[in-house]
Every structure is written in structure tokens, then in C-alpha cells.
């Protein structure tokens, strides 16, 4: 974490990942080539209140249940590491999934986790084990 975190972008397995901070929390956007153009495919919002994800990115949010699923960031990283092909197919991007190096993304799981941590400002936020991102004093 830092005082003024910049967005972090990188490519892995043929996809582009972009981690950033918005006032509600950290966001991870997963984009891929669709008809020769980059398009956001999936989005994971590790928000302080109401964490959720979108499959596809343009869909309504799938709300995250901390009581049933644990810490949002750990869940999101595990989904990308272990179920990316299925997520892309469910999102309507089976053609994209066929060209993704899933092993490369699996191997990059720690980078995904670290980037989502690094984009959160140091001042005013903390990660609580088993709960996730919280405002200091919450």
C-alpha cells in the first residue's frame, strides 16, 4: 500500500489485468481481445461495503457474502487462479478463453493479490484477516 497509489496494469496469459482504487475499495478489471479490440470481460470489486464481482463485466453485480465465502480478495484470486476458463465461458467469452494461457494466469495469482493490496492507500484503510478491506476505525 502507498499514500497515493497509481493503478497497476499488466498482461498475463493473453489477458490484461488492471488494479485500481476507487473510494469504495479496490477494483480488478480483466480485459481481453474481442474482435481485435480490448474489452473488459470480468470485474472484481473488493469494496469495503458490499464487495461483489461481475461476470461478464457489464452484468449486474454478484454480491459477495463474507459469512459464507470469507475474505473477498482471497476468494477473487482463487476464482481467477482456479476457475478463469469457466468464468470467461459463463461470461460469454468462450472464444477468448480458448486462447488464454490459463497456466500463466494461475502462476500469476500472487501478483494479482499483491496488486490489489498495493493500490489501496496506506492512510485510512486496513485489511482485516477473514474480513477484508476496511476503513481504519470501522
Protein backbone atom coordinates (compact mmCIF):
# COMPACT_ATOMS: atom_id res chain seq x y z
CA UNK A 1 0.00 0.00 0.00
CA UNK A 2 1.09 3.59 -0.52
CA UNK A 3 -0.14 7.13 0.14
CA UNK A 4 -1.11 7.89 -3.47
CA UNK A 5 -1.36 4.56 -5.26
CA UNK A 6 -1.32 4.56 -9.03
CA UNK A 7 -3.29 1.97 -10.97
CA UNK A 8 -1.30 -1.17 -11.75
CA UNK A 9 -1.67 -2.78 -15.18
CA UNK A 10 -0.02 -5.88 -16.60
CA UNK A 11 -0.57 -8.64 -19.14
CA UNK A 12 -0.75 -12.31 -18.24
CA UNK A 13 -1.78 -15.33 -20.28
CA UNK A 14 -3.11 -13.18 -23.13
CA UNK A 15 -5.31 -11.05 -20.85
CA UNK A 16 -4.80 -7.57 -19.44
CA UNK A 17 -5.26 -7.02 -15.72
CA UNK A 18 -5.78 -3.57 -14.18
CA UNK A 19 -5.97 -2.99 -10.43
CA UNK A 20 -7.05 0.41 -9.16
CA UNK A 21 -8.55 2.09 -6.11
CA UNK A 22 -11.89 3.84 -6.06
CA UNK A 23 -13.31 5.39 -2.90
CA UNK A 24 -15.32 2.26 -2.16
CA UNK A 25 -12.30 -0.09 -2.41
CA UNK A 26 -10.02 -1.89 -4.85
CA UNK A 27 -11.14 -2.97 -8.31
CA UNK A 28 -9.62 -5.54 -10.66
CA UNK A 29 -10.59 -5.36 -14.32
CA UNK A 30 -9.81 -8.31 -16.59
CA UNK A 31 -9.77 -7.48 -20.29
CA UNK A 32 -9.16 -9.50 -23.41
CA UNK A 33 -9.15 -9.21 -27.18
CA UNK A 34 -12.66 -9.46 -28.66
CA UNK A 35 -12.89 -8.98 -32.41
CA UNK A 36 -9.46 -7.33 -32.42
CA UNK A 37 -10.25 -4.81 -29.66
CA UNK A 38 -9.57 -4.81 -25.93
CA UNK A 39 -12.77 -5.29 -23.95
CA UNK A 40 -13.39 -5.58 -20.23
CA UNK A 41 -14.52 -9.17 -19.63
CA UNK A 42 -14.71 -9.58 -15.85
CA UNK A 43 -14.57 -7.20 -12.88
CA UNK A 44 -13.92 -7.86 -9.21
CA UNK A 45 -14.77 -5.11 -6.71
CA UNK A 46 -13.08 -5.66 -3.35
CA UNK A 47 -15.17 -2.96 -1.71
CA UNK A 48 -15.30 -2.16 1.97
CA UNK A 49 -19.08 -2.32 1.94
CA UNK A 50 -20.83 -4.69 -0.44
CA UNK A 51 -17.92 -6.42 -2.19
CA UNK A 52 -19.05 -8.02 -5.44
CA UNK A 53 -17.98 -9.16 -8.88
CA UNK A 54 -19.36 -9.04 -12.42
CA UNK A 55 -19.49 -11.98 -14.87
CA UNK A 56 -19.42 -10.52 -17.53
CA UNK A 57 -18.11 -7.10 -16.52
CA UNK A 58 -21.21 -5.46 -18.00
CA UNK A 59 -23.60 -7.60 -15.93
CA UNK A 60 -25.29 -6.77 -12.66
CA UNK A 61 -23.11 -7.40 -9.61
CA UNK A 62 -22.93 -10.77 -7.93
CA UNK A 63 -22.89 -9.84 -4.26
CA UNK A 64 -20.22 -11.39 -2.06
CA UNK A 65 -21.25 -12.98 1.24
CA UNK A 66 -18.37 -12.67 3.74
CA UNK A 67 -20.10 -15.01 6.21
CA UNK A 68 -20.34 -17.80 3.63
CA UNK A 69 -17.30 -17.08 1.45
CA UNK A 70 -14.70 -15.49 3.73
CA UNK A 71 -12.40 -12.69 2.67
CA UNK A 72 -13.31 -11.19 -0.73
CA UNK A 73 -9.77 -10.77 -2.09
CA UNK A 74 -8.81 -14.37 -1.27
CA UNK A 75 -12.00 -15.59 -2.98
CA UNK A 76 -11.48 -13.42 -6.07
CA UNK A 77 -7.87 -14.55 -6.50
CA UNK A 78 -8.86 -18.19 -6.06
CA UNK A 79 -11.60 -17.82 -8.68
CA UNK A 80 -9.13 -16.36 -11.18
CA UNK A 81 -6.47 -18.94 -10.32
CA UNK A 82 -8.74 -21.99 -10.35
CA UNK A 83 -11.80 -21.13 -12.47
CA UNK A 84 -10.84 -18.48 -15.03
CA UNK A 85 -11.81 -20.58 -18.04
CA UNK A 86 -15.23 -21.28 -16.56
CA UNK A 87 -15.75 -17.62 -15.63
CA UNK A 88 -14.92 -16.47 -19.15
CA UNK A 89 -17.20 -19.10 -20.68
CA UNK A 90 -20.06 -18.19 -18.32
CA UNK A 91 -19.49 -14.54 -19.24
CA UNK A 92 -19.97 -15.38 -22.93
CA UNK A 93 -16.31 -15.28 -23.87
CA UNK A 94 -15.59 -18.95 -24.64
CA UNK A 95 -13.72 -17.90 -27.81
CA UNK A 96 -11.42 -15.70 -25.71
CA UNK A 97 -10.99 -18.43 -23.09
CA UNK A 98 -9.80 -20.84 -25.78
CA UNK A 99 -6.78 -18.58 -26.42
CA UNK A 100 -5.89 -17.75 -22.81
CA UNK A 101 -2.87 -19.38 -21.22
CA UNK A 102 -4.67 -20.40 -18.03
CA UNK A 103 -1.45 -21.78 -16.52
CA UNK A 104 0.23 -18.37 -16.87
CA UNK A 105 -2.65 -16.69 -15.00
CA UNK A 106 -2.59 -19.42 -12.35
CA UNK A 107 1.13 -18.82 -11.90
CA UNK A 108 0.43 -15.07 -11.65
CA UNK A 109 -2.12 -15.38 -8.81
CA UNK A 110 0.22 -13.88 -6.21
CA UNK A 111 0.83 -10.86 -8.45
CA UNK A 112 -2.95 -10.36 -8.71
CA UNK A 113 -3.27 -10.44 -4.91
CA UNK A 114 -0.32 -8.13 -4.37
CA UNK A 115 -1.51 -5.59 -6.95
CA UNK A 116 -4.93 -5.40 -5.29
CA UNK A 117 -3.23 -4.71 -1.97
CA UNK A 118 -0.75 -2.20 -3.39
CA UNK A 119 -3.41 0.06 -4.96
CA UNK A 120 -5.07 0.75 -1.60
CA UNK A 121 -3.87 3.91 0.17
CA UNK A 122 -1.98 3.39 3.45
CA UNK A 123 -3.84 6.22 5.11
CA UNK A 124 -7.31 5.24 6.28
CA UNK A 125 -7.52 1.59 5.24
CA UNK A 126 -6.53 -1.78 6.65
CA UNK A 127 -7.02 -5.41 5.63
CA UNK A 128 -8.62 -7.43 8.42
CA UNK A 129 -7.88 -11.18 8.23
CA UNK A 130 -11.01 -13.13 7.39
CA UNK A 131 -12.97 -9.93 6.68
CA UNK A 132 -11.04 -7.99 4.03
CA UNK A 133 -10.61 -4.32 3.32
CA UNK A 134 -11.91 -1.94 5.98
CA UNK A 135 -11.61 1.72 6.84
CA UNK A 136 -9.44 2.39 9.86
CA UNK A 137 -11.71 2.79 12.84
CA UNK A 138 -14.58 0.81 11.25
